[in-house]
């Protein structure tokens, strides 16, 4: 932040005051918030934007929450070689946070798969964890075997997210396809937790919308070229459906498949889920971009409430550029955690009380719009965007409608 001193440090050491990592109440008057984010590689832009949003929210609170001073430690969750989040690095970050006797909360991770690694570690010590963008439904509800209990070894819920759950994305996509007149869809999924990549939620949502799934194929998330997806592309092209949907978190595999389908059948309409939405996908589609649409919660300031536009002005003043959409989620994650600490009053240094305070969050006005946090950790927000691709960029098209539930 240019010319501004922020009450935050990046990758600080673990010096703390008082207590032990297992204590729920922290004796120090300075509390530490950790942020686990991708600061290199494919998701670096989103990670850095989210971190800047956090720093801005902390600065606006004068580095405090109630009577407590707050420091921020940002930890990179990516592997130096691959530039993608790595389980070992994510776990190391979460353990580093858990070992700090002044830790009061953990903001992260962005990828759902990364959050699935860090959450059991923070939960075991009762540390509040808030994810800006992890939408995988299994983190909060029964989706796969052992979920969500396996993420909560303490037996208590300590996690919340401010992004709508993946089932919101799935139903929004189904409504979008139905609205556009597609009654038959061919589905490809890559098995990853991000972007509905395990298939079940999107399959259910499509069927509930009366859309026939005429073909379902599994794509290797390590696929990176046309030869790796040749048989799947042929199956999708032969399917009697005008629309093909890629669900998953591997951008390389999504690009290989979507380009291969478009080359064989240029009239197929291509859709992709949030797990692969971003600059890398948009810039890599080539001729297929004209037929590609993408779902994402990363809606820009222009389509957010007035609070977002006011925040955007302050962000631009601090950082010299408009805030990317991920900055709004980072800002709101930090703002909401500080508010929970503040609401806990003199017990804002007690991890258990801060978790309970956060799970009672009500935000009638925020940069993301109004929302509340349900007891299981999900936001009540259902704001999801539909984008098309033009000139190598995602372009906002519409808000995705949600069925009444």
Protein backbone atom coordinates (compact mmCIF):
# COMPACT_ATOMS: atom_id res chain seq x y z
CA UNK A 1 0.00 0.00 0.00
CA UNK A 2 1.77 3.13 -1.18
CA UNK A 3 2.53 5.72 1.45
CA UNK A 4 0.46 3.96 4.09
CA UNK A 5 1.51 1.98 7.12
CA UNK A 6 -0.74 -1.05 7.50
CA UNK A 7 -1.18 -3.01 10.71
CA UNK A 8 -0.04 -6.13 8.91
CA UNK A 9 3.08 -8.11 8.26
CA UNK A 10 3.79 -10.69 5.61
CA UNK A 11 5.16 -14.10 6.60
CA UNK A 12 6.05 -12.97 10.10
CA UNK A 13 7.78 -15.15 12.66
CA UNK A 14 5.90 -16.96 15.40
CA UNK A 15 6.81 -14.80 18.36
CA UNK A 16 3.72 -14.54 20.54
CA UNK A 17 2.77 -13.42 23.99
CA UNK A 18 1.25 -15.64 26.61
CA UNK A 19 -0.79 -18.79 26.48
CA UNK A 20 -0.07 -21.93 24.49
CA UNK A 21 -1.40 -23.05 21.10
CA UNK A 22 -3.98 -25.24 22.87
CA UNK A 23 -5.45 -22.42 24.97
CA UNK A 24 -8.75 -21.03 23.76
CA UNK A 25 -8.14 -17.71 25.49
CA UNK A 26 -5.13 -15.64 24.42
CA UNK A 27 -3.42 -13.49 27.04
CA UNK A 28 -1.74 -11.16 24.53
CA UNK A 29 -3.36 -7.85 23.62
CA UNK A 30 -2.11 -8.40 20.05
CA UNK A 31 -3.92 -11.12 18.12
CA UNK A 32 -2.69 -12.68 14.88
CA UNK A 33 -4.71 -13.44 11.78
CA UNK A 34 -3.10 -15.70 9.18
CA UNK A 35 -3.99 -15.72 5.49
CA UNK A 36 -3.27 -18.79 3.36
CA UNK A 37 -3.28 -17.68 -0.28
CA UNK A 38 -1.77 -18.47 -3.70
CA UNK A 39 0.81 -15.75 -4.20
CA UNK A 40 2.52 -17.36 -7.20
CA UNK A 41 1.38 -19.12 -10.34
CA UNK A 42 -2.00 -19.34 -12.04
CA UNK A 43 -4.03 -17.98 -9.11
CA UNK A 44 -1.49 -15.37 -7.98
CA UNK A 45 -3.52 -12.42 -9.26
CA UNK A 46 -6.56 -13.53 -7.23
CA UNK A 47 -4.43 -14.26 -4.17
CA UNK A 48 -2.64 -10.92 -4.24
CA UNK A 49 -5.89 -9.03 -4.84
CA UNK A 50 -7.55 -10.79 -1.91
CA UNK A 51 -4.55 -9.96 0.29
CA UNK A 52 -4.70 -6.30 -0.69
CA UNK A 53 -8.39 -6.29 0.15
CA UNK A 54 -7.58 -7.73 3.59
CA UNK A 55 -4.90 -5.11 4.18
CA UNK A 56 -7.29 -2.32 3.25
CA UNK A 57 -9.98 -3.55 5.65
CA UNK A 58 -7.40 -3.87 8.43
CA UNK A 59 -6.05 -0.37 7.74
CA UNK A 60 -9.56 1.07 7.85
CA UNK A 61 -9.99 -0.53 11.27
CA UNK A 62 -6.72 1.12 12.40
CA UNK A 63 -5.24 -2.32 12.88
CA UNK A 64 -7.64 -3.07 15.71
CA UNK A 65 -10.74 -5.07 16.60
CA UNK A 66 -12.32 -3.71 19.74
CA UNK A 67 -9.67 -3.50 22.44
CA UNK A 68 -7.22 -5.77 20.60
CA UNK A 69 -4.48 -4.97 18.11
CA UNK A 70 -4.44 -7.23 15.05
CA UNK A 71 -1.48 -8.32 12.96
CA UNK A 72 -1.79 -10.11 9.64
CA UNK A 73 0.59 -12.80 8.41
CA UNK A 74 0.25 -13.86 4.76
CA UNK A 75 1.52 -17.32 3.80
CA UNK A 76 1.90 -18.58 0.23
CA UNK A 77 0.20 -21.96 -0.28
CA UNK A 78 1.78 -22.72 -3.68
CA UNK A 79 4.62 -24.99 -4.70
CA UNK A 80 7.68 -23.19 -6.07
CA UNK A 81 7.92 -25.56 -9.06
CA UNK A 82 4.30 -25.90 -10.14
CA UNK A 83 2.89 -22.56 -9.04
CA UNK A 84 -0.25 -24.36 -7.80
CA UNK A 85 -1.37 -24.94 -4.25
CA UNK A 86 0.40 -27.94 -2.77
CA UNK A 87 -0.97 -30.11 0.07
CA UNK A 88 2.35 -30.10 1.93
CA UNK A 89 2.67 -26.34 1.78
CA UNK A 90 -0.96 -25.79 2.79
CA UNK A 91 -0.54 -28.12 5.77
CA UNK A 92 2.70 -26.39 6.78
CA UNK A 93 0.95 -23.01 6.67
CA UNK A 94 -1.93 -24.22 8.81
CA UNK A 95 0.44 -25.81 11.33
CA UNK A 96 2.46 -22.62 11.48
CA UNK A 97 -0.69 -20.70 12.34
CA UNK A 98 -1.80 -23.30 14.88
CA UNK A 99 1.57 -23.16 16.66
CA UNK A 100 1.33 -19.41 17.25
CA UNK A 101 -0.15 -18.81 20.72
CA UNK A 102 -1.61 -15.47 19.57
CA UNK A 103 -3.52 -16.83 16.56
CA UNK A 104 -7.21 -15.90 16.58
CA UNK A 105 -8.18 -16.78 13.01
CA UNK A 106 -7.12 -18.11 9.63
CA UNK A 107 -8.40 -16.58 6.38
CA UNK A 108 -8.07 -19.06 3.54
CA UNK A 109 -7.58 -20.88 1.50
CA UNK A 110 -8.91 -19.88 -1.93
CA UNK A 111 -8.97 -23.31 -3.59
CA UNK A 112 -11.45 -25.73 -2.03
CA UNK A 113 -8.95 -28.57 -2.17
CA UNK A 114 -6.48 -26.48 -0.19
CA UNK A 115 -9.11 -25.61 2.40
CA UNK A 116 -9.88 -29.32 2.78
CA UNK A 117 -6.24 -29.76 3.85
CA UNK A 118 -5.90 -26.76 6.18
CA UNK A 119 -9.29 -26.95 7.88
CA UNK A 120 -8.78 -30.12 9.96
CA UNK A 121 -5.54 -28.62 11.33
CA UNK A 122 -7.07 -25.31 12.39
CA UNK A 123 -10.24 -26.99 13.61
CA UNK A 124 -8.42 -29.30 15.97
CA UNK A 125 -7.31 -26.24 17.95
CA UNK A 126 -10.64 -24.43 17.65
CA UNK A 127 -9.33 -21.67 15.38
CA UNK A 128 -11.85 -19.75 13.28
CA UNK A 129 -11.23 -20.31 9.56
CA UNK A 130 -12.95 -18.15 6.95
CA UNK A 131 -12.49 -18.85 3.25
CA UNK A 132 -13.03 -16.04 0.76
CA UNK A 133 -13.61 -18.33 -2.24
CA UNK A 134 -13.72 -22.06 -1.39
CA UNK A 135 -17.11 -23.23 -2.65
CA UNK A 136 -16.88 -27.03 -2.39
CA UNK A 137 -20.17 -28.16 -0.76
CA UNK A 138 -18.56 -31.04 1.15
CA UNK A 139 -16.78 -28.60 3.47
CA UNK A 140 -20.09 -27.85 5.17
CA UNK A 141 -22.55 -30.60 4.21
CA UNK A 142 -22.65 -34.30 3.38
CA UNK A 143 -21.40 -34.58 -0.20
CA UNK A 144 -18.92 -37.46 -0.16
CA UNK A 145 -18.13 -40.25 2.30
CA UNK A 146 -17.19 -38.91 5.72
CA UNK A 147 -18.07 -35.32 4.84
CA UNK A 148 -18.21 -32.86 6.36
CA UNK A 149 -17.27 -34.49 9.69
CA UNK A 150 -13.77 -35.44 8.56
CA UNK A 151 -12.88 -31.76 8.31
CA UNK A 152 -13.87 -31.16 11.95
CA UNK A 153 -11.82 -33.49 14.19
CA UNK A 154 -12.69 -31.37 17.23
CA UNK A 155 -16.37 -32.16 16.70
CA UNK A 156 -17.20 -28.43 16.54
CA UNK A 157 -17.79 -26.21 13.51
CA UNK A 158 -15.13 -23.54 13.16
CA UNK A 159 -15.36 -22.80 9.42
CA UNK A 160 -17.35 -20.34 7.36
CA UNK A 161 -17.19 -19.02 3.81
CA UNK A 162 -18.37 -15.78 2.29
CA UNK A 163 -18.64 -17.21 -1.24
CA UNK A 164 -21.81 -19.12 -2.13
CA UNK A 165 -21.51 -22.89 -1.87
CA UNK A 166 -21.02 -24.97 -5.00
CA UNK A 167 -24.64 -26.08 -4.97
CA UNK A 168 -25.56 -22.44 -5.61
CA UNK A 169 -23.25 -22.45 -8.63
CA UNK A 170 -24.71 -25.76 -9.84
CA UNK A 171 -28.30 -24.54 -9.67
CA UNK A 172 -27.35 -21.21 -11.24
CA UNK A 173 -25.68 -23.00 -14.14
CA UNK A 174 -28.69 -25.26 -14.59
CA UNK A 175 -31.01 -22.23 -14.65
CA UNK A 176 -28.74 -20.52 -17.17
CA UNK A 177 -28.71 -23.52 -19.51
CA UNK A 178 -32.47 -23.87 -19.20
CA UNK A 179 -32.98 -20.16 -19.86
CA UNK A 180 -30.86 -20.41 -23.01
CA UNK A 181 -32.95 -23.31 -24.27
CA UNK A 182 -30.54 -26.21 -23.80
CA UNK A 183 -32.55 -29.29 -22.82
CA UNK A 184 -29.68 -31.74 -23.41
CA UNK A 185 -26.16 -31.36 -22.05
CA UNK A 186 -22.94 -33.39 -22.26
CA UNK A 187 -20.86 -33.18 -19.08
CA UNK A 188 -17.11 -33.53 -18.57
CA UNK A 189 -15.64 -33.45 -15.06
CA UNK A 190 -12.11 -33.85 -13.73
CA UNK A 191 -12.71 -35.16 -10.20
CA UNK A 192 -11.20 -32.18 -8.35
CA UNK A 193 -13.04 -30.54 -5.48
CA UNK A 194 -12.97 -27.12 -7.11
CA UNK A 195 -15.51 -26.04 -9.70
CA UNK A 196 -17.97 -28.93 -9.10
CA UNK A 197 -15.28 -31.24 -10.44
CA UNK A 198 -16.67 -34.30 -8.72
CA UNK A 199 -19.78 -34.09 -10.85
CA UNK A 200 -22.53 -35.04 -8.42
CA UNK A 201 -23.84 -31.58 -7.56
CA UNK A 202 -24.03 -30.39 -11.14
CA UNK A 203 -25.62 -33.66 -12.31
CA UNK A 204 -28.33 -33.31 -9.67
CA UNK A 205 -28.97 -29.64 -10.47
CA UNK A 206 -29.25 -30.30 -14.21
CA UNK A 207 -31.70 -33.12 -13.70
CA UNK A 208 -33.80 -31.02 -11.30
CA UNK A 209 -33.97 -28.37 -14.03
CA UNK A 210 -35.32 -30.94 -16.48
CA UNK A 211 -32.13 -31.08 -18.53
CA UNK A 212 -31.09 -34.46 -19.92
CA UNK A 213 -27.50 -35.54 -19.36
CA UNK A 214 -26.86 -37.41 -22.57
CA UNK A 215 -23.14 -38.02 -22.02
CA UNK A 216 -20.84 -37.94 -18.97
CA UNK A 217 -17.07 -38.31 -19.32
CA UNK A 218 -14.21 -38.16 -16.83
CA UNK A 219 -11.14 -36.14 -17.78
CA UNK A 220 -7.70 -36.63 -16.23
CA UNK A 221 -6.93 -33.36 -14.42
CA UNK A 222 -3.31 -33.71 -15.56
CA UNK A 223 -4.34 -33.64 -19.22
CA UNK A 224 -2.67 -30.80 -21.07
CA UNK A 225 -2.90 -31.49 -24.79
CA UNK A 226 -5.26 -32.77 -27.49
CA UNK A 227 -3.90 -36.32 -27.36
CA UNK A 228 -4.73 -36.51 -23.64
CA UNK A 229 -8.42 -35.78 -24.23
CA UNK A 230 -8.97 -37.25 -27.69
CA UNK A 231 -11.42 -40.00 -26.73
CA UNK A 232 -13.40 -37.76 -24.37
CA UNK A 233 -13.67 -35.01 -27.00
CA UNK A 234 -14.95 -37.51 -29.56
CA UNK A 235 -17.58 -38.81 -27.15
CA UNK A 236 -18.76 -35.30 -26.35
CA UNK A 237 -18.94 -34.31 -30.01
CA UNK A 238 -20.96 -37.41 -30.89
CA UNK A 239 -23.41 -36.78 -28.04
CA UNK A 240 -26.83 -35.46 -29.14
CA UNK A 241 -26.43 -32.22 -27.17
CA UNK A 242 -25.83 -28.68 -28.31
CA UNK A 243 -24.07 -27.76 -25.06
CA UNK A 244 -20.96 -29.18 -23.38
CA UNK A 245 -20.19 -28.35 -19.74
CA UNK A 246 -16.72 -28.71 -18.18
CA UNK A 247 -16.83 -29.03 -14.38
CA UNK A 248 -13.60 -29.03 -12.43
CA UNK A 249 -10.49 -27.26 -11.27
CA UNK A 250 -7.83 -28.09 -13.87
CA UNK A 251 -7.48 -25.19 -16.29
CA UNK A 252 -5.01 -27.09 -18.47
CA UNK A 253 -7.40 -30.01 -18.89
CA UNK A 254 -10.34 -27.66 -19.48
CA UNK A 255 -8.47 -25.81 -22.22
CA UNK A 256 -7.36 -29.03 -23.90
CA UNK A 257 -10.88 -30.44 -23.91
CA UNK A 258 -12.82 -27.30 -24.83
CA UNK A 259 -10.48 -26.51 -27.72
CA UNK A 260 -10.64 -30.10 -28.95
CA UNK A 261 -14.45 -30.12 -28.86
CA UNK A 262 -14.64 -26.77 -30.63
CA UNK A 263 -12.22 -27.89 -33.35
CA UNK A 264 -14.37 -30.94 -34.10
CA UNK A 265 -17.75 -29.26 -33.66
CA UNK A 266 -17.61 -25.43 -33.83
CA UNK A 267 -21.35 -25.08 -33.28
CA UNK A 268 -21.31 -26.65 -29.79
CA UNK A 269 -21.89 -24.16 -26.99
CA UNK A 270 -19.22 -24.58 -24.31
CA UNK A 271 -19.68 -23.92 -20.59
CA UNK A 272 -17.21 -24.08 -17.70
CA UNK A 273 -17.48 -23.82 -13.94
CA UNK A 274 -15.80 -21.44 -11.52
CA UNK A 275 -12.88 -23.78 -10.80
CA UNK A 276 -11.30 -22.87 -14.14
CA UNK A 277 -12.66 -19.35 -14.56
CA UNK A 278 -9.89 -16.80 -14.95
CA UNK A 279 -7.36 -15.13 -17.18
CA UNK A 280 -5.51 -18.33 -18.07
CA UNK A 281 -8.67 -19.94 -19.44
CA UNK A 282 -9.86 -16.80 -21.23
CA UNK A 283 -6.51 -16.17 -22.91
CA UNK A 284 -5.99 -19.80 -23.90
CA UNK A 285 -9.29 -20.58 -25.62
CA UNK A 286 -8.38 -19.12 -29.00
CA UNK A 287 -11.19 -19.57 -31.57
CA UNK A 288 -13.27 -21.43 -28.96
CA UNK A 289 -13.79 -18.26 -26.93
CA UNK A 290 -16.74 -17.15 -29.06
CA UNK A 291 -18.70 -20.22 -27.97
CA UNK A 292 -17.60 -20.33 -24.31
CA UNK A 293 -19.49 -19.18 -21.23
CA UNK A 294 -18.25 -19.40 -17.66
CA UNK A 295 -19.81 -19.25 -14.19
CA UNK A 296 -17.99 -17.36 -11.43
CA UNK A 297 -18.74 -15.44 -8.23
CA UNK A 298 -16.00 -12.93 -9.16
CA UNK A 299 -18.34 -10.17 -10.24
CA UNK A 300 -16.82 -6.73 -10.67
CA UNK A 301 -17.54 -3.57 -8.71
CA UNK A 302 -19.88 -2.18 -11.37
CA UNK A 303 -22.37 -4.96 -10.67
CA UNK A 304 -22.04 -4.86 -6.88
CA UNK A 305 -23.85 -2.62 -4.34
CA UNK A 306 -22.80 0.98 -3.54
CA UNK A 307 -20.58 -0.21 -0.66
CA UNK A 308 -18.36 -1.91 -3.23
CA UNK A 309 -17.97 1.26 -5.27
CA UNK A 310 -16.98 3.21 -2.17
CA UNK A 311 -14.46 0.54 -1.27
CA UNK A 312 -13.14 0.61 -4.85
CA UNK A 313 -12.36 4.30 -4.54
CA UNK A 314 -10.37 3.74 -1.35
CA UNK A 315 -8.61 0.72 -2.88
CA UNK A 316 -7.58 2.71 -5.97
CA UNK A 317 -6.24 5.50 -3.77
CA UNK A 318 -4.19 3.01 -1.75
CA UNK A 319 -2.92 0.76 -4.54
CA UNK A 320 -3.10 2.90 -7.68
CA UNK A 321 -5.49 0.62 -9.58
CA UNK A 322 -9.12 -0.54 -9.47
CA UNK A 323 -9.80 -3.57 -7.28
CA UNK A 324 -10.07 -6.93 -9.06
CA UNK A 325 -13.18 -8.85 -7.95
CA UNK A 326 -11.15 -11.10 -5.64
CA UNK A 327 -10.19 -8.00 -3.63
CA UNK A 328 -13.83 -7.59 -2.60
CA UNK A 329 -13.84 -11.10 -1.12
CA UNK A 330 -10.55 -10.53 0.70
CA UNK A 331 -11.84 -7.23 2.05
CA UNK A 332 -15.09 -8.73 3.28
CA UNK A 333 -13.36 -11.75 4.80
CA UNK A 334 -11.14 -9.48 6.89
CA UNK A 335 -13.91 -7.01 7.73
CA UNK A 336 -16.25 -9.76 8.90
CA UNK A 337 -13.58 -11.44 11.05
CA UNK A 338 -12.68 -8.12 12.70
CA UNK A 339 -16.38 -7.51 13.33
CA UNK A 340 -16.72 -10.93 14.99
CA UNK A 341 -13.77 -10.21 17.29
CA UNK A 342 -15.24 -6.82 18.12
CA UNK A 343 -18.70 -8.27 18.87
CA UNK A 344 -17.11 -10.74 21.29
CA UNK A 345 -16.14 -7.73 23.41
CA UNK A 346 -13.72 -8.47 26.25
CA UNK A 347 -13.69 -12.10 25.10
CA UNK A 348 -12.47 -11.17 21.63
CA UNK A 349 -9.25 -12.96 22.54
CA UNK A 350 -11.11 -16.24 23.15
CA UNK A 351 -11.10 -18.51 20.10
CA UNK A 352 -14.32 -20.28 21.05
CA UNK A 353 -16.19 -17.01 21.56
CA UNK A 354 -14.88 -15.59 18.29
CA UNK A 355 -16.05 -18.69 16.38
CA UNK A 356 -19.51 -18.40 17.94
CA UNK A 357 -19.58 -14.69 17.16
CA UNK A 358 -18.62 -15.27 13.53
CA UNK A 359 -21.22 -18.00 13.01
CA UNK A 360 -23.82 -15.45 14.10
CA UNK A 361 -22.71 -12.92 11.45
CA UNK A 362 -25.41 -10.73 9.93
CA UNK A 363 -24.23 -8.31 7.26
CA UNK A 364 -27.20 -6.33 5.92
CA UNK A 365 -24.83 -4.14 3.90
CA UNK A 366 -21.43 -5.21 2.59
CA UNK A 367 -19.29 -4.91 -0.52
CA UNK A 368 -20.72 -8.28 -1.60
CA UNK A 369 -24.31 -7.37 -0.80
CA UNK A 370 -26.43 -8.46 2.17
CA UNK A 371 -25.77 -11.87 3.69
CA UNK A 372 -25.75 -13.85 6.91
CA UNK A 373 -23.69 -16.87 7.96
CA UNK A 374 -25.70 -20.02 8.67
CA UNK A 375 -24.81 -22.17 11.67
CA UNK A 376 -23.11 -24.71 9.38
CA UNK A 377 -20.81 -22.04 7.95
CA UNK A 378 -22.46 -21.24 4.61
CA UNK A 379 -23.40 -17.75 3.49
CA UNK A 380 -27.00 -16.97 2.61
CA UNK A 381 -25.79 -15.08 -0.47
CA UNK A 382 -26.68 -16.63 -3.82
CA UNK A 383 -24.96 -14.04 -6.02
CA UNK A 384 -23.26 -15.81 -8.92
CA UNK A 385 -22.30 -14.44 -12.31
CA UNK A 386 -22.44 -15.73 -15.86
CA UNK A 387 -19.65 -14.56 -18.18
CA UNK A 388 -18.81 -14.85 -21.85
CA UNK A 389 -15.30 -14.56 -23.29
CA UNK A 390 -14.18 -11.83 -25.67
CA UNK A 391 -10.66 -10.82 -26.65
CA UNK A 392 -9.08 -13.15 -24.11
CA UNK A 393 -11.07 -11.71 -21.20
CA UNK A 394 -14.08 -12.76 -19.17
CA UNK A 395 -16.95 -10.34 -19.73
CA UNK A 396 -19.87 -10.16 -17.31
CA UNK A 397 -23.13 -11.17 -18.96
CA UNK A 398 -25.73 -11.73 -16.23
CA UNK A 399 -26.53 -12.75 -12.71
CA UNK A 400 -27.43 -16.43 -12.56
CA UNK A 401 -30.94 -16.98 -11.32
CA UNK A 402 -31.54 -19.30 -8.39
CA UNK A 403 -34.60 -21.45 -7.88
CA UNK A 404 -36.55 -20.87 -4.69
CA UNK A 405 -35.45 -23.26 -1.97
